[in-house]
Amino acid sequence: MEDAAGQQDPAASTELRQQIERAFREDGQLREEIAAMLPRAPRTVITASGERGVAAYHIDTVISGDNNSIQ
């Protein structure tokens, strides 16, 4: 946040953030109105099936099965 002279004012930014957080905590209607303005994230369903099934949203390395190892 900038002051009247155009300089960054970290204290004012902190104060504004605290006021917004307080308003969200204390005003359920405000929370609902703001939430209605935000886009909804798509729902993600991840399913693992089978004896050694592996499921993850993000995954790097998976070792599944008997007697496997990384070399």
C-alpha atoms as a PDB file:
ATOM      1  CA  MET A   1       0.000   0.000   0.000  1.00  0.00           C
ATOM      2  CA  GLU A   2       1.304   3.460  -0.859  1.00  0.00           C
ATOM      3  CA  ASP A   3       1.089   6.618   1.197  1.00  0.00           C
ATOM      4  CA  ALA A   4       0.047  10.018  -0.213  1.00  0.00           C
ATOM      5  CA  ALA A   5       3.583  10.618  -1.521  1.00  0.00           C
ATOM      6  CA  GLY A   6       3.545   7.314  -3.431  1.00  0.00           C
ATOM      7  CA  GLN A   7       5.943   5.552  -1.052  1.00  0.00           C
ATOM      8  CA  GLN A   8       5.352   1.965   0.038  1.00  0.00           C
ATOM      9  CA  ASP A   9       3.949   1.791   3.578  1.00  0.00           C
ATOM     10  CA  PRO A  10       4.295  -1.736   5.026  1.00  0.00           C
ATOM     11  CA  ALA A  11       2.573  -0.735   8.280  1.00  0.00           C
ATOM     12  CA  ALA A  12      -0.492   0.459   6.372  1.00  0.00           C
ATOM     13  CA  SER A  13      -0.548  -2.777   4.361  1.00  0.00           C
ATOM     14  CA  THR A  14      -0.404  -4.823   7.558  1.00  0.00           C
ATOM     15  CA  GLU A  15      -3.182  -2.777   9.130  1.00  0.00           C
ATOM     16  CA  LEU A  16      -5.396  -3.150   6.057  1.00  0.00           C
ATOM     17  CA  ARG A  17      -4.789  -6.923   5.981  1.00  0.00           C
ATOM     18  CA  GLN A  18      -5.752  -7.163   9.664  1.00  0.00           C
ATOM     19  CA  GLN A  19      -8.933  -5.161   9.088  1.00  0.00           C
ATOM     20  CA  ILE A  20      -9.923  -7.404   6.177  1.00  0.00           C
ATOM     21  CA  GLU A  21      -9.242 -10.559   8.212  1.00  0.00           C
ATOM     22  CA  ARG A  22     -11.301  -9.175  11.107  1.00  0.00           C
ATOM     23  CA  ALA A  23     -14.185  -8.315   8.768  1.00  0.00           C
ATOM     24  CA  PHE A  24     -14.133 -11.853   7.325  1.00  0.00           C
ATOM     25  CA  ARG A  25     -14.105 -13.408  10.803  1.00  0.00           C
ATOM     26  CA  GLU A  26     -16.949 -11.277  12.120  1.00  0.00           C
ATOM     27  CA  ASP A  27     -19.236 -10.962   9.079  1.00  0.00           C
ATOM     28  CA  GLY A  28     -20.588 -14.228   7.688  1.00  0.00           C
ATOM     29  CA  GLN A  29     -22.615 -12.446   5.018  1.00  0.00           C
ATOM     30  CA  LEU A  30     -19.475 -10.706   3.727  1.00  0.00           C
ATOM     31  CA  ARG A  31     -17.707 -14.095   3.533  1.00  0.00           C
ATOM     32  CA  GLU A  32     -20.606 -15.539   1.530  1.00  0.00           C
ATOM     33  CA  GLU A  33     -20.719 -12.565  -0.856  1.00  0.00           C
ATOM     34  CA  ILE A  34     -16.971 -12.694  -1.528  1.00  0.00           C
ATOM     35  CA  ALA A  35     -17.036 -16.494  -1.930  1.00  0.00           C
ATOM     36  CA  ALA A  36     -19.844 -16.145  -4.504  1.00  0.00           C
ATOM     37  CA  MET A  37     -17.595 -13.845  -6.576  1.00  0.00           C
ATOM     38  CA  LEU A  38     -14.708 -16.313  -6.715  1.00  0.00           C
ATOM     39  CA  PRO A  39     -14.533 -19.077  -9.316  1.00  0.00           C
ATOM     40  CA  ARG A  40     -15.114 -22.595  -8.061  1.00  0.00           C
ATOM     41  CA  ALA A  41     -12.231 -25.019  -8.399  1.00  0.00           C
ATOM     42  CA  PRO A  42     -13.092 -28.182 -10.288  1.00  0.00           C
ATOM     43  CA  ARG A  43     -13.562 -31.168  -8.024  1.00  0.00           C
ATOM     44  CA  THR A  44     -10.838 -33.748  -8.416  1.00  0.00           C
ATOM     45  CA  VAL A  45     -11.465 -37.385  -7.617  1.00  0.00           C
ATOM     46  CA  ILE A  46      -8.538 -39.775  -7.447  1.00  0.00           C
ATOM     47  CA  THR A  47      -9.117 -43.504  -7.137  1.00  0.00           C
ATOM     48  CA  ALA A  48      -6.639 -46.321  -6.707  1.00  0.00           C
ATOM     49  CA  SER A  49      -7.869 -49.805  -7.392  1.00  0.00           C
ATOM     50  CA  GLY A  50      -6.287 -53.194  -7.401  1.00  0.00           C
ATOM     51  CA  GLU A  51      -3.998 -54.945  -4.979  1.00  0.00           C
ATOM     52  CA  ARG A  52      -1.071 -52.558  -5.496  1.00  0.00           C
ATOM     53  CA  GLY A  53      -2.963 -49.572  -6.860  1.00  0.00           C
ATOM     54  CA  VAL A  54      -1.352 -46.178  -6.369  1.00  0.00           C
ATOM     55  CA  ALA A  55      -3.177 -42.867  -6.545  1.00  0.00           C
ATOM     56  CA  ALA A  56      -1.904 -39.329  -6.119  1.00  0.00           C
ATOM     57  CA  TYR A  57      -2.612 -35.829  -7.325  1.00  0.00           C
ATOM     58  CA  HIS A  58       1.080 -35.125  -7.996  1.00  0.00           C
ATOM     59  CA  ILE A  59       3.526 -37.990  -8.116  1.00  0.00           C
ATOM     60  CA  ASP A  60       7.217 -38.382  -8.919  1.00  0.00           C
ATOM     61  CA  THR A  61       8.294 -41.983  -8.336  1.00  0.00           C
ATOM     62  CA  VAL A  62       6.224 -45.022  -7.462  1.00  0.00           C
ATOM     63  CA  ILE A  63       7.483 -48.525  -6.843  1.00  0.00           C
ATOM     64  CA  SER A  64       4.800 -51.133  -6.579  1.00  0.00           C
ATOM     65  CA  GLY A  65       4.910 -54.904  -6.440  1.00  0.00           C
ATOM     66  CA  ASP A  66       7.044 -57.555  -4.799  1.00  0.00           C
ATOM     67  CA  ASN A  67      10.828 -57.379  -4.520  1.00  0.00           C
ATOM     68  CA  ASN A  68      11.221 -54.059  -6.349  1.00  0.00           C
ATOM     69  CA  SER A  69      13.996 -51.575  -5.593  1.00  0.00           C
ATOM     70  CA  ILE A  70      15.546 -48.377  -6.880  1.00  0.00           C
ATOM     71  CA  GLN A  71      19.101 -48.722  -8.149  1.00  0.00           C
END
